[in-house]
Structures are given as C-alpha cells and as structure tokens.
Amino acid sequence: MNPRNRLNFSGGPGALPESVLLQVQEAIIEVPEAGLSILGISHRSDWFAAVITELESNIRALLGLTKDYHVLLLQGGATQQFSMVPMTLLRGASSAAEYLHTGYWSGKALPEAQREGPVRVLWSGEDNGFTRLPDDDELAFSEDSSYLHYASNETVEGLQFHRVLGKDNVPRVCDMSSDFLSIPCAAERFSLIYAHAQKNIGPAGVTVVLVRDALLQHAPEDLPGFLDYRCHAKTHSNYNTPPVFSIYVVLLVTRWLMNEIGGVENMARINQDKATLLYGMLDSSDGFYRGRAREQDRSLMNVTFNLPTPELENRFLAKAQAAGFSGLAGHRAVGGIRASIYNALTLPAVEMLAGFMADFQRREI
C-alpha cells in the first residue's frame, strides 16, 4: 500500500465511502441539479428543502420509523444533546432520570443532566476500568423514572450493548453517535435517539435526532428556541442557517446505504465480518494482542487492545503509520490501540490491517 493513500482507522471523524467522496468532489464545484457549488447554495432554496425531505425519508426507510417520530438535523454534536435532553425531559420533573455510566462519553453526559434535575446513576463501570458492560441482574430499573439514558457504543473503551435496555413504560434515550445506521437498532423502542455524524453517516457539523412527538408534548415552554426540539421540528431543521454541506453529505451516505449496500441489515453483516476478522486476530495471538473489552461486550465499531509493553505499542503505532494505517492510537483516556471500523472502512482495508498485525507479531517474537 502506498503510505500516501492512508486508511482511516480513527475514532472520528471516520472514513466516507469512496463513491460519496467522488460525488462530494463534484458538488464542491457544482451540484448538477442546482448549477452552484454546494458551499454556496442557500438553505432557503427549493433544492435544499428537497434535500431535507429526501434525507428524512431515507432515514425513516432505513430504520422503519413510524410517522410519530420527528427526524431532526441539528448542530452542536452529541455534546449539545447532553444538555438538550435533560432541559426537555428533566427540568422541573418530580422523578429522577436514570443514567448508565459505561465509559468516557456516557460520563460526559452526566454533569449536564445533573444541572437540570435529579439523576440516578443506575450502574457505573468506573471501578472495573470500563472494561465491561452491566449484566441484566445488575440493573434495577425504576418504574417511574423520567427517562433512561445510555450510550449504545463507547468508542473510547470499545464496548457496545447488543440488546435494548430498560422498561417499555419509561422513555428510552440513547446516544447512538458511533453505531447509528451500522446495525438495526429497533428504533421504535426508543423515545429519543441522537447521533452526531462523524463516525458512520457523514462529516462533522450535523447531528441526527429522532424524537417521538409525544415526548415533546410536556416540554418546558421557556426553552430558548435553538434548544427547543419543537422549533426545529416545525421548520424541518431549518430554524436557523443549517450546515448545508454536511447535511448534503449525509444524504449521499444514506443513498449509498440504500442503493449500494442494500440497507442496514446488509451493513450489519459487513460490519460483523470486519469485527470478526480483527477479534480473531486478537484471540489467536497467544496474548500478544490483548483485547480490552469483555468478550460479550465487544464493540463492532471500535476494536481496542494492548500489546505486552508500552514500548511495543509505540513501535506498533510507528510502523503502522509508516505502512499507511492512520488513527490507530487509543484515546488519551485509556491509551493502547484502537481500530475503528465504521461503515465506510471496507473489509479489504481491515484484511490489510490484520495482515500487518500478523507480520508485526512475527517480527517481534
């Protein structure tokens, strides 16, 4: 592989599909349907209104969403949702919200919720170093909590829930930023899902929020307009100047998922094949590559592992970078190695990484 043609294994922003990149390249000069650069098309144009309409429709089709959900395209990333969710659902509430603290990013959501009302941390993995997720018998869900919040996939620690949590009579709120549209998610069982784009569905700058209309009926009336889901729903995500470029790229990614991949179920099979290949490399290495996450909680998106010594990890990263594999350093919170294998990172790319890992192990032992 030419090291100049680097493969992006970063935790984010992630890779985009090649066919999408080619369309984006063309659109920067001129969007065929509009005759203008995507960077200069008005957010008030009929063309952009059609983009929003199609993108909403595509997401509904990919997830089988019913009409009682709003599909919103917001700004501020998941970080803004850490605040918007409790502002909407917890402010003035009489019962606590329940949060799971399963890693770095779910931990970021906690202090923002605590600003708005009572929060009960139902389970925390901090004592075990966030190397596993809770088992069912460790979770005592309340019958009357304001809502349940958890992150479906922890990118830093490489942990992923492979089941839906909570009670059906309590609103489920889920941060799906790093596995949205990578696997089927039983979206109808959640009251609110949010996912920033820069993992699986597009570039930074846009956050998809799916929210059931009934959830908004009793939201506080004194919310700032920009932080009120209802304002964005009424204006079809055009309340203020939206990130036209990022939204357009997300539209292209949904077309790619539908027309080239064949839907989320097919995407999930591809992602499973990629993860199986890398975890197989870890498990067959006789301890040379040491997986960080408990086996049943392993992420299909972020494969985290260590080598026997920090010195060997540094050598691995340097050799990998020289060979054209980018973004393999673990997050600063945990160190080690992290191979993020989001939707657009192809199976052949993962096969190349597995081959590099096998060669590196042979040279070092």
Protein backbone atom coordinates (compact mmCIF):
# COMPACT_ATOMS: atom_id res chain seq x y z
CA MET A 1 0.00 0.00 0.00
CA ASN A 2 1.21 3.49 -0.81
CA PRO A 3 1.52 5.25 2.60
CA ARG A 4 0.15 8.39 0.96
CA ASN A 5 -3.14 6.57 0.44
CA ARG A 6 -3.80 6.17 4.12
CA LEU A 7 -6.58 4.04 5.53
CA ASN A 8 -8.57 5.86 8.20
CA PHE A 9 -8.97 3.77 11.36
CA SER A 10 -9.51 6.86 13.52
CA GLY A 11 -12.16 7.01 16.23
CA GLY A 12 -13.55 10.04 14.42
CA PRO A 13 -14.01 11.68 12.07
CA GLY A 14 -14.28 8.41 10.23
CA ALA A 15 -13.90 7.47 6.60
CA LEU A 16 -16.53 8.27 3.96
CA PRO A 17 -17.46 5.86 1.17
CA GLU A 18 -15.37 6.35 -1.98
CA SER A 19 -18.44 6.84 -4.17
CA VAL A 20 -19.69 9.54 -1.81
CA LEU A 21 -16.33 11.32 -1.86
CA LEU A 22 -16.41 11.42 -5.64
CA GLN A 23 -19.88 12.97 -5.60
CA VAL A 24 -18.80 15.47 -2.96
CA GLN A 25 -15.78 16.41 -5.07
CA GLU A 26 -18.11 17.21 -7.95
CA ALA A 27 -20.59 19.04 -5.73
CA ILE A 28 -17.94 21.40 -4.36
CA ILE A 29 -17.57 22.70 -7.91
CA GLU A 30 -21.21 22.32 -8.93
CA VAL A 31 -24.21 20.36 -7.73
CA PRO A 32 -25.66 19.01 -11.01
CA GLU A 33 -29.28 19.73 -10.07
CA ALA A 34 -28.58 23.25 -8.83
CA GLY A 35 -25.79 24.60 -11.04
CA LEU A 36 -24.00 26.02 -7.98
CA SER A 37 -21.28 24.89 -5.58
CA ILE A 38 -22.67 23.07 -2.55
CA LEU A 39 -20.74 25.61 -0.48
CA GLY A 40 -22.84 28.47 -1.83
CA ILE A 41 -26.39 27.12 -2.09
CA SER A 42 -28.99 28.87 0.06
CA HIS A 43 -30.53 26.96 2.91
CA ARG A 44 -33.81 28.61 1.90
CA SER A 45 -33.71 27.25 -1.65
CA ASP A 46 -36.19 24.73 -3.03
CA TRP A 47 -33.23 22.46 -3.78
CA PHE A 48 -32.19 22.31 -0.12
CA ALA A 49 -35.77 21.80 1.02
CA ALA A 50 -35.84 18.74 -1.25
CA VAL A 51 -32.57 17.52 0.30
CA ILE A 52 -34.09 17.69 3.79
CA THR A 53 -37.26 15.92 2.65
CA GLU A 54 -35.35 13.09 0.98
CA LEU A 55 -32.94 12.68 3.87
CA GLU A 56 -35.78 12.45 6.39
CA SER A 57 -37.47 9.88 4.15
CA ASN A 58 -34.28 7.83 3.74
CA ILE A 59 -33.65 7.64 7.47
CA ARG A 60 -37.26 6.62 8.07
CA ALA A 61 -36.95 3.90 5.44
CA LEU A 62 -33.60 2.60 6.72
CA LEU A 63 -34.91 2.28 10.28
CA GLY A 64 -38.59 1.56 9.64
CA LEU A 65 -39.65 4.67 11.58
CA THR A 66 -43.32 5.44 12.01
CA LYS A 67 -44.76 8.90 11.33
CA ASP A 68 -44.95 9.80 15.01
CA TYR A 69 -41.19 10.44 15.05
CA HIS A 70 -39.55 13.69 14.03
CA VAL A 71 -36.28 13.38 12.11
CA LEU A 72 -34.18 16.41 13.02
CA LEU A 73 -30.82 17.54 11.65
CA LEU A 74 -29.24 19.71 14.32
CA GLN A 75 -25.92 21.29 15.22
CA GLY A 76 -23.76 21.09 18.33
CA GLY A 77 -22.86 17.41 18.15
CA ALA A 78 -23.72 14.89 20.84
CA THR A 79 -22.38 17.39 23.37
CA GLN A 80 -25.32 19.71 22.80
CA GLN A 81 -27.68 16.76 23.23
CA PHE A 82 -26.17 16.08 26.64
CA SER A 83 -27.88 19.35 27.64
CA MET A 84 -30.94 19.46 25.36
CA VAL A 85 -32.24 16.09 26.53
CA PRO A 86 -32.41 16.94 30.26
CA MET A 87 -33.56 20.50 29.56
CA THR A 88 -36.54 18.99 27.74
CA LEU A 89 -37.26 15.95 29.89
CA LEU A 90 -35.85 16.58 33.37
CA ARG A 91 -36.30 20.26 34.11
CA GLY A 92 -38.98 20.51 36.79
CA ALA A 93 -39.54 16.75 36.88
CA SER A 94 -40.54 15.08 40.14
CA SER A 95 -38.73 11.80 39.44
CA ALA A 96 -35.06 11.19 38.69
CA ALA A 97 -33.62 10.31 35.33
CA GLU A 98 -31.60 7.10 35.24
CA TYR A 99 -28.19 7.12 33.55
CA LEU A 100 -25.71 4.37 32.83
CA HIS A 101 -22.05 5.33 33.22
CA THR A 102 -20.34 2.87 30.91
CA GLY A 103 -17.41 4.86 29.60
CA TYR A 104 -15.88 8.17 28.64
CA TRP A 105 -18.76 9.58 26.61
CA SER A 106 -21.65 8.49 28.79
CA GLY A 107 -19.69 10.07 31.64
CA LYS A 108 -19.68 13.39 29.76
CA ALA A 109 -23.49 13.40 29.72
CA LEU A 110 -23.87 13.09 33.49
CA PRO A 111 -22.89 16.57 34.77
CA GLU A 112 -25.06 18.24 32.12
CA ALA A 113 -28.11 16.26 33.25
CA GLN A 114 -27.37 16.99 36.90
CA ARG A 115 -27.70 20.71 36.16
CA GLU A 116 -31.36 20.22 35.30
CA GLY A 117 -32.72 17.82 37.90
CA PRO A 118 -32.26 14.63 39.91
CA VAL A 119 -30.12 11.93 38.31
CA ARG A 120 -29.64 8.38 39.48
CA VAL A 121 -26.54 6.61 38.19
CA LEU A 122 -28.00 3.16 37.79
CA TRP A 123 -24.64 1.48 37.15
CA SER A 124 -21.06 2.60 36.70
CA GLY A 125 -18.16 0.70 35.23
CA GLU A 126 -15.58 3.08 36.64
CA ASP A 127 -14.37 0.64 39.32
CA ASN A 128 -13.59 -2.02 36.69
CA GLY A 129 -11.86 0.47 34.42
CA PHE A 130 -14.76 0.40 31.92
CA THR A 131 -13.73 -2.99 30.59
CA ARG A 132 -17.25 -4.42 30.60
CA LEU A 133 -20.93 -3.50 30.49
CA PRO A 134 -23.54 -4.38 33.12
CA ASP A 135 -25.30 -7.72 33.12
CA ASP A 136 -29.09 -7.75 33.36
CA ASP A 137 -29.05 -8.80 37.01
CA GLU A 138 -27.03 -5.69 37.89
CA LEU A 139 -29.68 -3.30 36.58
CA ALA A 140 -32.65 -2.42 38.79
CA PHE A 141 -34.67 -0.07 36.58
CA SER A 142 -37.24 2.16 38.23
CA GLU A 143 -40.87 2.05 37.12
CA ASP A 144 -41.32 5.82 37.32
CA SER A 145 -38.06 7.47 36.28
CA SER A 146 -38.29 10.47 33.97
CA TYR A 147 -36.25 8.62 31.35
CA LEU A 148 -33.39 6.16 30.91
CA HIS A 149 -30.24 7.38 29.16
CA TYR A 150 -27.37 5.26 27.90
CA ALA A 151 -24.79 5.16 25.12
CA SER A 152 -25.16 2.18 22.80
CA ASN A 153 -21.45 2.13 21.90
CA GLU A 154 -18.49 3.52 23.82
CA THR A 155 -15.87 4.48 21.26
CA VAL A 156 -13.04 5.02 23.75
CA GLU A 157 -13.28 1.70 25.57
CA GLY A 158 -14.60 -0.43 22.71
CA LEU A 159 -17.83 -1.52 24.44
CA GLN A 160 -21.22 -1.99 22.80
CA PHE A 161 -24.64 -3.03 24.03
CA HIS A 162 -26.06 -5.84 21.93
CA ARG A 163 -29.52 -5.57 23.47
CA VAL A 164 -32.12 -2.92 24.25
CA LEU A 165 -32.23 -1.88 27.90
CA GLY A 166 -34.92 -0.58 30.21
CA LYS A 167 -38.65 -0.81 30.74
CA ASP A 168 -41.13 -0.11 27.97
CA ASN A 169 -43.14 2.31 30.12
CA VAL A 170 -40.09 4.56 30.72
CA PRO A 171 -38.80 6.71 27.82
CA ARG A 172 -35.53 5.37 26.44
CA VAL A 173 -32.97 7.96 25.33
CA CYS A 174 -29.89 6.66 23.57
CA ASP A 175 -26.65 8.21 22.35
CA MET A 176 -26.01 6.20 19.18
CA SER A 177 -23.34 8.52 17.82
CA SER A 178 -20.86 5.79 17.00
CA ASP A 179 -23.09 2.95 15.78
CA PHE A 180 -26.08 4.70 14.20
CA LEU A 181 -27.06 3.05 10.89
CA SER A 182 -24.35 0.42 11.36
CA ILE A 183 -26.76 -2.21 12.67
CA PRO A 184 -30.55 -2.45 13.06
CA CYS A 185 -31.49 -0.71 16.32
CA ALA A 186 -35.21 -1.36 16.98
CA ALA A 187 -35.71 2.39 16.76
CA GLU A 188 -39.38 2.19 17.66
CA ARG A 189 -38.44 1.08 21.18
CA PHE A 190 -36.68 4.39 21.85
CA SER A 191 -38.30 7.73 22.57
CA LEU A 192 -35.25 9.74 21.52
CA ILE A 193 -32.09 8.76 19.64
CA TYR A 194 -29.26 11.12 18.86
CA ALA A 195 -26.14 10.61 16.77
CA HIS A 196 -23.54 13.06 15.55
CA ALA A 197 -22.44 12.33 12.02
CA GLN A 198 -18.67 11.97 12.06
CA LYS A 199 -18.49 8.22 12.63
CA ASN A 200 -20.77 6.36 10.22
CA ILE A 201 -23.04 8.82 8.45
CA GLY A 202 -21.15 11.91 7.33
CA PRO A 203 -18.71 14.70 8.25
CA ALA A 204 -18.78 16.75 11.43
CA GLY A 205 -21.34 19.52 11.67
CA VAL A 206 -24.68 17.75 11.77
CA THR A 207 -26.39 15.63 14.43
CA VAL A 208 -29.36 13.40 13.69
CA VAL A 209 -32.07 13.37 16.35
CA LEU A 210 -35.05 11.02 16.19
CA VAL A 211 -37.69 12.01 18.71
CA ARG A 212 -41.18 10.71 19.28
CA ASP A 213 -43.71 13.51 19.04
CA ALA A 214 -45.48 12.50 22.26
CA LEU A 215 -42.25 13.05 24.19
CA LEU A 216 -42.35 16.76 23.37
CA GLN A 217 -45.92 17.42 24.45
CA HIS A 218 -44.96 18.37 28.01
CA ALA A 219 -41.60 20.02 27.36
CA PRO A 220 -40.99 23.30 29.21
CA GLU A 221 -42.32 26.38 27.44
CA ASP A 222 -39.40 28.61 28.42
CA LEU A 223 -36.67 26.85 26.45
CA PRO A 224 -34.55 29.01 24.12
CA GLY A 225 -35.73 28.49 20.55
CA PHE A 226 -32.47 26.99 19.38
CA LEU A 227 -32.59 24.45 22.21
CA ASP A 228 -36.24 23.51 21.71
CA TYR A 229 -36.82 20.40 19.59
CA ARG A 230 -40.27 21.70 18.67
CA CYS A 231 -38.85 24.74 16.89
CA HIS A 232 -36.64 22.53 14.74
CA ALA A 233 -39.47 20.11 14.04
CA LYS A 234 -41.81 22.92 12.90
CA THR A 235 -39.18 24.28 10.50
CA HIS A 236 -37.90 20.91 9.20
CA SER A 237 -34.42 21.52 10.61
CA ASN A 238 -34.25 24.98 9.03
CA TYR A 239 -34.81 27.09 12.14
CA ASN A 240 -31.53 28.92 11.59
CA THR A 241 -28.81 28.56 8.95
CA PRO A 242 -28.09 24.81 8.98
CA PRO A 243 -24.84 23.13 7.82
CA VAL A 244 -25.94 22.63 4.20
CA PHE A 245 -22.74 20.88 3.15
CA SER A 246 -22.74 18.35 5.99
CA ILE A 247 -26.43 17.59 5.58
CA TYR A 248 -25.97 17.01 1.85
CA VAL A 249 -23.14 14.54 2.52
CA VAL A 250 -25.34 12.66 5.00
CA LEU A 251 -27.97 12.43 2.26
CA LEU A 252 -25.37 10.90 -0.08
CA VAL A 253 -24.36 8.40 2.62
CA THR A 254 -27.99 7.31 3.10
CA ARG A 255 -28.30 6.82 -0.66
CA TRP A 256 -25.12 4.72 -0.55
CA LEU A 257 -26.52 2.63 2.30
CA MET A 258 -29.78 2.06 0.46
CA ASN A 259 -28.59 1.64 -3.13
CA GLU A 260 -25.07 0.21 -2.89
CA ILE A 261 -25.09 -1.62 0.45
CA GLY A 262 -28.72 -2.71 0.37
CA GLY A 263 -29.84 -1.45 3.77
CA VAL A 264 -28.81 -1.53 7.41
CA GLU A 265 -29.14 -5.32 7.69
CA ASN A 266 -26.55 -5.82 4.95
CA MET A 267 -24.34 -3.15 6.52
CA ALA A 268 -24.51 -5.04 9.81
CA ARG A 269 -23.32 -8.26 8.14
CA ILE A 270 -20.35 -6.46 6.62
CA ASN A 271 -19.51 -4.85 9.96
CA GLN A 272 -19.74 -8.21 11.71
CA ASP A 273 -17.31 -9.71 9.19
CA LYS A 274 -14.83 -6.89 9.80
CA ALA A 275 -15.05 -7.20 13.57
CA THR A 276 -14.81 -10.99 13.49
CA LEU A 277 -11.59 -10.73 11.49
CA LEU A 278 -9.90 -8.35 13.92
CA TYR A 279 -11.10 -10.03 17.10
CA GLY A 280 -9.99 -13.34 15.64
CA MET A 281 -6.53 -11.84 15.22
CA LEU A 282 -6.52 -10.80 18.89
CA ASP A 283 -7.78 -14.14 20.16
CA SER A 284 -5.32 -16.21 18.13
CA SER A 285 -2.25 -14.15 19.06
CA ASP A 286 -1.39 -16.07 22.28
CA GLY A 287 -1.64 -12.90 24.31
CA PHE A 288 0.48 -10.72 22.05
CA TYR A 289 -2.62 -8.64 21.25
CA ARG A 290 -4.74 -8.28 24.37
CA GLY A 291 -8.35 -7.22 23.90
CA ARG A 292 -9.52 -4.58 26.35
CA ALA A 293 -13.27 -5.30 26.45
CA ARG A 294 -15.02 -8.33 27.90
CA GLU A 295 -15.79 -10.70 25.02
CA GLN A 296 -19.59 -10.47 25.13
CA ASP A 297 -19.42 -6.65 25.27
CA ARG A 298 -17.01 -6.14 22.38
CA SER A 299 -17.82 -3.31 20.01
CA LEU A 300 -18.35 -3.93 16.31
CA MET A 301 -17.17 -0.38 15.70
CA ASN A 302 -14.10 0.12 17.88
CA VAL A 303 -11.64 -2.72 18.47
CA THR A 304 -9.49 -1.78 21.46
CA PHE A 305 -6.43 -3.69 22.58
CA ASN A 306 -2.99 -3.53 24.14
CA LEU A 307 0.39 -5.07 23.46
CA PRO A 308 2.66 -6.51 26.19
CA THR A 309 4.51 -3.24 26.86
CA PRO A 310 4.03 0.49 26.15
CA GLU A 311 7.30 0.43 24.19
CA LEU A 312 5.93 -2.27 21.91
CA GLU A 313 2.71 -0.30 21.45
CA ASN A 314 4.69 2.76 20.38
CA ARG A 315 6.67 0.68 17.92
CA PHE A 316 3.44 -0.83 16.56
CA LEU A 317 1.91 2.62 16.04
CA ALA A 318 5.01 3.99 14.33
CA LYS A 319 5.26 1.01 11.98
CA ALA A 320 1.53 1.15 11.25
CA GLN A 321 1.68 4.86 10.44
CA ALA A 322 4.62 4.28 8.11
CA ALA A 323 2.68 1.48 6.39
CA GLY A 324 -0.31 3.74 5.73
CA PHE A 325 -2.65 2.88 8.62
CA SER A 326 -3.86 6.12 10.21
CA GLY A 327 -5.57 6.82 13.51
CA LEU A 328 -4.75 3.63 15.44
CA ALA A 329 -3.63 5.28 18.68
CA GLY A 330 -6.05 4.69 21.54
CA HIS A 331 -7.91 7.57 23.11
CA ARG A 332 -5.84 9.63 25.56
CA ALA A 333 -8.10 8.46 28.43
CA VAL A 334 -7.06 4.81 28.08
CA GLY A 335 -4.10 4.63 25.70
CA GLY A 336 -3.30 1.41 23.87
CA ILE A 337 -4.50 0.72 20.33
CA ARG A 338 -7.92 1.34 18.80
CA ALA A 339 -9.00 0.25 15.33
CA SER A 340 -12.27 1.96 14.44
CA ILE A 341 -14.04 0.11 11.66
CA TYR A 342 -17.01 2.31 10.85
CA ASN A 343 -19.35 1.71 7.92
CA ALA A 344 -17.17 3.15 5.16
CA LEU A 345 -13.99 1.33 6.26
CA THR A 346 -14.04 -1.62 3.88
CA LEU A 347 -13.44 -5.31 4.57
CA PRO A 348 -10.33 -5.30 2.30
CA ALA A 349 -8.93 -2.45 4.43
CA VAL A 350 -9.48 -4.50 7.58
CA GLU A 351 -7.85 -7.51 5.91
CA MET A 352 -4.80 -5.37 5.21
CA LEU A 353 -4.63 -4.29 8.85
CA ALA A 354 -4.95 -7.90 10.02
CA GLY A 355 -2.11 -8.85 7.70
CA PHE A 356 0.04 -6.05 9.09
CA MET A 357 -0.72 -7.20 12.65
CA ALA A 358 0.26 -10.78 11.83
CA ASP A 359 3.53 -9.61 10.24
CA PHE A 360 4.31 -7.33 13.17
CA GLN A 361 3.80 -10.14 15.66
CA ARG A 362 6.09 -12.48 13.69
CA ARG A 363 8.83 -9.88 13.62
CA GLU A 364 8.61 -9.08 17.34
CA ILE A 365 8.55 -12.56 18.88
